[in-house]
């Protein structure tokens, strides 16, 4: 296997890591005002992701950076064509990060409610935007022979790409609710469990629908197998959650996501960015890859750097692994 293909697989793996970790992160943010009935329970929700949310976002930065270094043509085609949606995602992530830091700076219910709204809206907009851009990448953009977008910044906005936006947001919502059943105790945990059981079938349906659209257009035999795993793992997660086996449900959602990413990137291969105007204008791995020397250097850097990052992030999750309840929340202290 050549290094260009290896880095295509690495970028797919980075997207998987980002969607898995930031998925429950977004879900908790979207559920902040739903499951947080009072200030103490809302602080419980914020504290479940407080130590890890910024580290989770690093996966998106690394995925973008790896794309830029390994496939500059892919990076240029996607990021220029999807500039406005990506800008909205960036603004949502910035607002969400600021809100986490600022919500406790003033002892005022109105102040906290404002920043809670920013967290909820920022999480929803970022999840929808990431899903939209990812579906654009897989289903194609209106690119001409020079790799430039034809039409308006939202020319690729179609019903099937909206499925991608709803699919990622819906998965994040369920993923976040199941994560809260693992990280909280008491009434918050029970509310999260009931909500996850109630919304999971509907919330995961757009993701399955997107995968069906992609497979009907570009799928092969083995990617259909990956697609079949998604609803099976999703149903298994629902059943295990109903049996109060939250850890198994969370793991099965990870399996469903891994199968979904495999199906999407498997259908995309050997292209990296299809053209909806003419298949001959699609950008492929071979067309957009960096030089072999660049890919070799990147591989050595990744071989040494990646284990250190994974160990550090795993250690962070281990340190903050215990459940949180409202009785753990101290009285608010503001300057």
Protein backbone atom coordinates (compact mmCIF):
# COMPACT_ATOMS: atom_id res chain seq x y z
CA UNK A 1 0.00 0.00 0.00
CA UNK A 2 1.46 3.38 -1.00
CA UNK A 3 1.86 6.19 1.52
CA UNK A 4 -0.81 8.35 -0.13
CA UNK A 5 -3.41 5.66 0.53
CA UNK A 6 -2.09 5.21 4.06
CA UNK A 7 -2.62 8.91 4.76
CA UNK A 8 -6.09 8.76 3.28
CA UNK A 9 -6.85 6.06 5.86
CA UNK A 10 -5.20 8.12 8.61
CA UNK A 11 -7.37 11.13 7.78
CA UNK A 12 -10.47 8.91 7.88
CA UNK A 13 -9.31 7.68 11.31
CA UNK A 14 -8.82 11.27 12.50
CA UNK A 15 -12.39 12.10 11.43
CA UNK A 16 -13.58 9.05 13.33
CA UNK A 17 -11.75 10.18 16.46
CA UNK A 18 -13.16 13.69 16.13
CA UNK A 19 -16.75 12.60 15.55
CA UNK A 20 -16.59 10.13 18.43
CA UNK A 21 -15.04 12.46 21.01
CA UNK A 22 -16.56 15.75 19.93
CA UNK A 23 -19.83 13.94 19.19
CA UNK A 24 -20.76 13.40 22.83
CA UNK A 25 -19.22 16.79 23.57
CA UNK A 26 -21.68 18.48 21.18
CA UNK A 27 -24.49 16.31 22.48
CA UNK A 28 -23.95 17.44 26.07
CA UNK A 29 -23.93 21.06 24.91
CA UNK A 30 -27.16 20.66 22.97
CA UNK A 31 -28.83 19.03 25.99
CA UNK A 32 -27.65 21.61 28.51
CA UNK A 33 -31.00 23.40 28.75
CA UNK A 34 -33.04 20.20 28.27
CA UNK A 35 -31.54 18.01 31.00
CA UNK A 36 -30.29 20.83 33.21
CA UNK A 37 -33.44 21.79 35.09
CA UNK A 38 -31.61 24.07 37.57
CA UNK A 39 -28.21 25.67 37.97
CA UNK A 40 -26.73 22.74 39.92
CA UNK A 41 -27.70 20.17 37.27
CA UNK A 42 -26.48 22.44 34.46
CA UNK A 43 -23.13 22.72 36.21
CA UNK A 44 -23.05 18.92 36.41
CA UNK A 45 -23.49 18.73 32.63
CA UNK A 46 -20.80 21.33 31.99
CA UNK A 47 -18.39 19.59 34.38
CA UNK A 48 -18.75 16.24 32.58
CA UNK A 49 -16.99 17.69 29.55
CA UNK A 50 -15.13 20.58 31.21
CA UNK A 51 -11.75 18.79 31.40
CA UNK A 52 -11.90 17.33 27.87
CA UNK A 53 -13.86 19.51 25.45
CA UNK A 54 -10.87 21.55 24.29
CA UNK A 55 -8.76 18.41 23.80
CA UNK A 56 -11.54 16.86 21.73
CA UNK A 57 -11.44 19.80 19.33
CA UNK A 58 -7.77 19.13 18.63
CA UNK A 59 -8.79 16.14 16.52
CA UNK A 60 -10.46 18.48 14.02
CA UNK A 61 -7.36 20.67 13.85
CA UNK A 62 -5.15 17.63 13.28
CA UNK A 63 -7.50 16.26 10.61
CA UNK A 64 -7.44 19.60 8.77
CA UNK A 65 -3.66 19.93 9.20
CA UNK A 66 -3.03 16.38 7.95
CA UNK A 67 -5.22 17.05 4.92
CA UNK A 68 -3.29 20.24 4.18
CA UNK A 69 0.09 18.51 4.45
CA UNK A 70 -0.71 15.17 2.81
CA UNK A 71 -3.27 16.27 0.20
CA UNK A 72 -2.93 20.01 -0.50
CA UNK A 73 -5.20 19.73 -3.54
CA UNK A 74 -7.93 18.14 -1.43
CA UNK A 75 -7.53 20.80 1.25
CA UNK A 76 -7.66 23.64 -1.29
CA UNK A 77 -10.69 22.25 -3.10
CA UNK A 78 -12.77 21.52 0.00
CA UNK A 79 -11.86 24.46 2.21
CA UNK A 80 -12.30 27.04 -0.52
CA UNK A 81 -15.57 25.56 -1.79
CA UNK A 82 -17.01 25.16 1.73
CA UNK A 83 -15.56 28.39 3.11
CA UNK A 84 -18.77 29.88 4.52
CA UNK A 85 -20.06 26.70 6.25
CA UNK A 86 -16.61 26.17 7.75
CA UNK A 87 -16.58 29.78 8.92
CA UNK A 88 -19.92 29.22 10.67
CA UNK A 89 -18.49 26.10 12.34
CA UNK A 90 -15.45 28.07 13.48
CA UNK A 91 -17.57 30.89 14.92
CA UNK A 92 -19.79 28.35 16.70
CA UNK A 93 -16.75 26.64 18.23
CA UNK A 94 -15.29 29.96 19.34
CA UNK A 95 -18.56 31.11 20.92
CA UNK A 96 -19.02 27.75 22.62
CA UNK A 97 -15.50 27.80 24.05
CA UNK A 98 -15.86 31.35 25.34
CA UNK A 99 -19.20 30.44 26.95
CA UNK A 100 -17.67 27.56 28.91
CA UNK A 101 -15.12 29.94 30.39
CA UNK A 102 -17.43 32.94 30.96
CA UNK A 103 -20.68 31.43 32.28
CA UNK A 104 -19.40 31.31 35.88
CA UNK A 105 -17.69 34.70 35.94
CA UNK A 106 -20.72 36.66 37.16
CA UNK A 107 -23.19 35.54 39.83
CA UNK A 108 -26.27 36.34 37.79
CA UNK A 109 -28.98 33.97 36.52
CA UNK A 110 -29.45 36.09 33.41
CA UNK A 111 -25.70 36.09 32.70
CA UNK A 112 -25.50 32.30 33.00
CA UNK A 113 -28.65 31.78 30.93
CA UNK A 114 -27.15 33.86 28.10
CA UNK A 115 -23.98 31.83 27.99
CA UNK A 116 -25.91 28.57 28.31
CA UNK A 117 -27.82 29.58 25.19
CA UNK A 118 -24.51 30.22 23.42
CA UNK A 119 -23.27 26.75 24.42
CA UNK A 120 -26.47 25.10 23.19
CA UNK A 121 -26.60 27.05 19.91
CA UNK A 122 -22.87 26.73 19.30
CA UNK A 123 -22.96 22.96 19.82
CA UNK A 124 -25.93 22.54 17.47
CA UNK A 125 -24.53 24.81 14.73
CA UNK A 126 -21.09 23.19 14.89
CA UNK A 127 -22.54 19.66 14.70
CA UNK A 128 -24.81 20.58 11.79
CA UNK A 129 -21.98 22.38 9.99
CA UNK A 130 -19.50 19.53 10.39
CA UNK A 131 -22.10 17.08 9.09
CA UNK A 132 -22.87 19.33 6.13
CA UNK A 133 -19.22 19.74 5.12
CA UNK A 134 -18.49 16.04 5.55
CA UNK A 135 -21.47 15.08 3.38
CA UNK A 136 -20.40 17.66 0.78
CA UNK A 137 -16.99 16.02 0.71
CA UNK A 138 -18.41 12.53 0.18
CA UNK A 139 -21.34 13.36 -2.14
CA UNK A 140 -19.43 15.93 -4.15
CA UNK A 141 -19.19 19.63 -4.91
CA UNK A 142 -19.77 21.50 -8.20
CA UNK A 143 -16.10 21.61 -9.21
CA UNK A 144 -14.84 22.52 -12.66
CA UNK A 145 -11.84 21.07 -14.45
CA UNK A 146 -9.46 23.34 -12.50
CA UNK A 147 -10.88 22.21 -9.14
CA UNK A 148 -12.74 25.48 -8.53
CA UNK A 149 -16.28 25.66 -7.19
CA UNK A 150 -18.96 26.72 -9.66
CA UNK A 151 -21.87 28.73 -8.29
CA UNK A 152 -22.64 30.22 -4.88
CA UNK A 153 -21.02 29.18 -1.58
CA UNK A 154 -24.11 27.05 -0.88
CA UNK A 155 -24.42 25.60 -4.38
CA UNK A 156 -23.90 22.10 -2.96
CA UNK A 157 -26.76 22.46 -0.49
CA UNK A 158 -29.07 19.59 -1.46
CA UNK A 159 -31.50 17.37 0.37
CA UNK A 160 -29.00 14.55 0.69
CA UNK A 161 -26.32 16.84 2.13
CA UNK A 162 -28.88 18.12 4.65
CA UNK A 163 -29.22 14.47 5.68
CA UNK A 164 -25.53 14.59 6.53
CA UNK A 165 -26.01 17.65 8.72
CA UNK A 166 -28.95 16.06 10.52
CA UNK A 167 -27.15 12.72 10.72
CA UNK A 168 -24.12 14.07 12.58
CA UNK A 169 -26.25 16.30 14.84
CA UNK A 170 -28.65 13.43 15.60
CA UNK A 171 -25.82 11.04 16.40
CA UNK A 172 -24.20 13.66 18.64
CA UNK A 173 -27.47 14.17 20.52
CA UNK A 174 -27.83 10.45 21.29
CA UNK A 175 -24.11 10.03 21.94
CA UNK A 176 -24.16 12.92 24.41
CA UNK A 177 -27.19 11.56 26.26
CA UNK A 178 -25.60 8.11 26.61
CA UNK A 179 -22.33 9.71 27.73
CA UNK A 180 -24.24 11.53 30.47
CA UNK A 181 -25.66 8.24 31.71
CA UNK A 182 -22.04 7.13 32.16
CA UNK A 183 -20.75 10.31 33.77
CA UNK A 184 -23.58 11.44 36.05
CA UNK A 185 -25.68 10.05 38.85
CA UNK A 186 -29.05 10.81 40.33
CA UNK A 187 -31.85 12.63 38.49
CA UNK A 188 -29.59 13.90 35.67
CA UNK A 189 -28.56 10.34 34.82
CA UNK A 190 -32.16 9.12 34.76
CA UNK A 191 -33.33 12.01 32.59
CA UNK A 192 -30.46 11.40 30.16
CA UNK A 193 -31.27 7.69 29.95
CA UNK A 194 -34.98 8.28 29.30
CA UNK A 195 -34.24 10.88 26.65
CA UNK A 196 -31.70 8.67 24.86
CA UNK A 197 -34.14 5.77 24.73
CA UNK A 198 -36.92 8.03 23.45
CA UNK A 199 -35.04 9.90 20.69
CA UNK A 200 -32.43 7.38 19.49
CA UNK A 201 -34.49 5.72 16.70
CA UNK A 202 -35.52 9.07 15.20
CA UNK A 203 -32.20 10.85 15.77
CA UNK A 204 -30.10 8.11 14.15
CA UNK A 205 -32.41 7.70 11.14
CA UNK A 206 -30.85 10.58 9.05
CA UNK A 207 -27.38 9.04 9.39
CA UNK A 208 -28.63 5.67 8.13
CA UNK A 209 -30.50 7.43 5.30
CA UNK A 210 -27.34 9.30 4.28
CA UNK A 211 -25.36 6.06 4.20
CA UNK A 212 -28.02 4.45 2.01
CA UNK A 213 -27.86 7.36 -0.45
CA UNK A 214 -24.06 7.17 -0.60
CA UNK A 215 -24.02 3.40 -1.03
CA UNK A 216 -26.68 3.42 -3.75
CA UNK A 217 -24.57 5.90 -5.71
CA UNK A 218 -20.99 4.86 -5.01
CA UNK A 219 -21.00 1.81 -2.75
CA UNK A 220 -19.34 -1.56 -3.28
CA UNK A 221 -19.93 -4.95 -1.71
CA UNK A 222 -17.78 -4.47 1.38
CA UNK A 223 -19.08 -0.96 2.10
CA UNK A 224 -22.60 -2.39 2.16
CA UNK A 225 -21.41 -4.68 4.94
CA UNK A 226 -20.15 -1.65 6.86
CA UNK A 227 -23.51 0.07 6.33
CA UNK A 228 -25.38 -2.96 7.72
CA UNK A 229 -23.34 -2.73 10.92
CA UNK A 230 -24.61 0.81 11.64
CA UNK A 231 -28.30 0.08 12.33
CA UNK A 232 -27.39 -3.24 13.97
CA UNK A 233 -24.98 -1.56 16.40
CA UNK A 234 -27.43 1.28 16.96
CA UNK A 235 -30.20 -1.18 17.86
CA UNK A 236 -27.79 -3.04 20.13
CA UNK A 237 -26.89 0.21 21.88
CA UNK A 238 -30.59 0.96 22.47
CA UNK A 239 -31.19 -2.51 23.92
CA UNK A 240 -28.16 -2.35 26.21
CA UNK A 241 -29.17 1.11 27.41
CA UNK A 242 -32.68 -0.18 28.14
CA UNK A 243 -31.01 -2.90 30.25
CA UNK A 244 -29.05 -0.18 32.13
CA UNK A 245 -25.72 -1.26 30.58
CA UNK A 246 -24.58 2.23 29.71
CA UNK A 247 -20.93 1.34 29.05
CA UNK A 248 -21.88 -1.30 26.50
CA UNK A 249 -24.36 1.09 24.86
CA UNK A 250 -21.66 3.76 24.60
CA UNK A 251 -19.23 1.28 23.06
CA UNK A 252 -21.81 0.06 20.54
CA UNK A 253 -22.46 3.64 19.45
CA UNK A 254 -18.72 3.85 18.81
CA UNK A 255 -18.96 0.72 16.66
CA UNK A 256 -21.85 2.26 14.71
CA UNK A 257 -19.85 5.43 14.11
CA UNK A 258 -16.76 3.49 13.03
CA UNK A 259 -18.86 1.53 10.54
CA UNK A 260 -20.45 4.74 9.23
CA UNK A 261 -17.06 6.43 8.68
CA UNK A 262 -15.78 3.24 7.00
CA UNK A 263 -18.78 3.18 4.66
CA UNK A 264 -18.43 6.87 3.78
CA UNK A 265 -14.70 6.94 3.13
CA UNK A 266 -14.83 3.50 1.50
CA UNK A 267 -17.39 4.80 -1.00
CA UNK A 268 -15.28 7.93 -1.54
CA UNK A 269 -12.06 6.01 -2.35
CA UNK A 270 -10.06 6.46 -4.60
CA UNK A 271 -11.42 10.00 -4.90
CA UNK A 272 -10.99 12.57 -2.18
CA UNK A 273 -13.47 15.15 -3.52
CA UNK A 274 -15.95 14.20 -6.27
CA UNK A 275 -17.24 16.70 -8.80
CA UNK A 276 -20.99 16.77 -9.34
CA UNK A 277 -20.52 18.48 -12.73
CA UNK A 278 -18.35 15.84 -14.40
CA UNK A 279 -16.85 12.69 -12.80
CA UNK A 280 -13.70 13.30 -14.85
CA UNK A 281 -13.13 16.49 -12.82
CA UNK A 282 -13.19 14.70 -9.47
CA UNK A 283 -10.08 15.05 -7.31
CA UNK A 284 -8.40 11.73 -6.55
CA UNK A 285 -5.77 10.57 -4.08
CA UNK A 286 -3.12 10.42 -6.80
CA UNK A 287 -3.99 13.89 -8.13
CA UNK A 288 -3.86 15.72 -4.80
CA UNK A 289 -1.18 13.91 -2.75
CA UNK A 290 2.04 15.56 -1.63
CA UNK A 291 5.42 14.27 -2.76
CA UNK A 292 6.61 10.87 -1.48
CA UNK A 293 9.33 12.60 0.57
CA UNK A 294 6.76 14.80 2.35
CA UNK A 295 4.59 11.79 3.11
CA UNK A 296 7.58 9.86 4.50
CA UNK A 297 8.51 12.73 6.83
CA UNK A 298 4.89 13.03 7.99
CA UNK A 299 4.75 9.30 8.66
CA UNK A 300 7.81 9.39 10.91
CA UNK A 301 6.50 12.41 12.80
CA UNK A 302 3.11 10.75 13.27
CA UNK A 303 4.73 7.48 14.40
CA UNK A 304 6.42 9.24 17.32
CA UNK A 305 3.90 11.98 18.10
CA UNK A 306 0.60 10.11 17.93
CA UNK A 307 1.24 7.61 20.77
CA UNK A 308 2.23 10.45 23.11
CA UNK A 309 -0.96 12.38 22.32
CA UNK A 310 -3.14 9.29 22.75
CA UNK A 311 -1.53 8.41 26.07
CA UNK A 312 -1.99 11.94 27.38
CA UNK A 313 -5.61 12.18 26.30
CA UNK A 314 -6.36 8.70 27.65
CA UNK A 315 -4.78 9.69 30.97
CA UNK A 316 -7.02 12.77 31.10
CA UNK A 317 -10.14 10.66 30.67
CA UNK A 318 -8.89 8.21 33.29
CA UNK A 319 -8.27 10.94 35.87
CA UNK A 320 -11.77 12.38 35.36
CA UNK A 321 -13.53 9.02 34.99
CA UNK A 322 -15.79 9.16 38.07
CA UNK A 323 -19.47 10.04 38.02
CA UNK A 324 -20.66 13.52 38.93
CA UNK A 325 -23.83 14.44 40.81
CA UNK A 326 -25.37 17.64 42.07
CA UNK A 327 -23.97 16.92 45.55
CA UNK A 328 -20.47 17.28 44.11
CA UNK A 329 -21.16 20.83 42.98
CA UNK A 330 -19.83 23.48 45.39
CA UNK A 331 -21.47 26.82 45.91
CA UNK A 332 -20.78 29.30 43.15
CA UNK A 333 -17.73 31.47 43.75
CA UNK A 334 -17.36 34.54 41.59
CA UNK A 335 -14.91 37.44 41.80
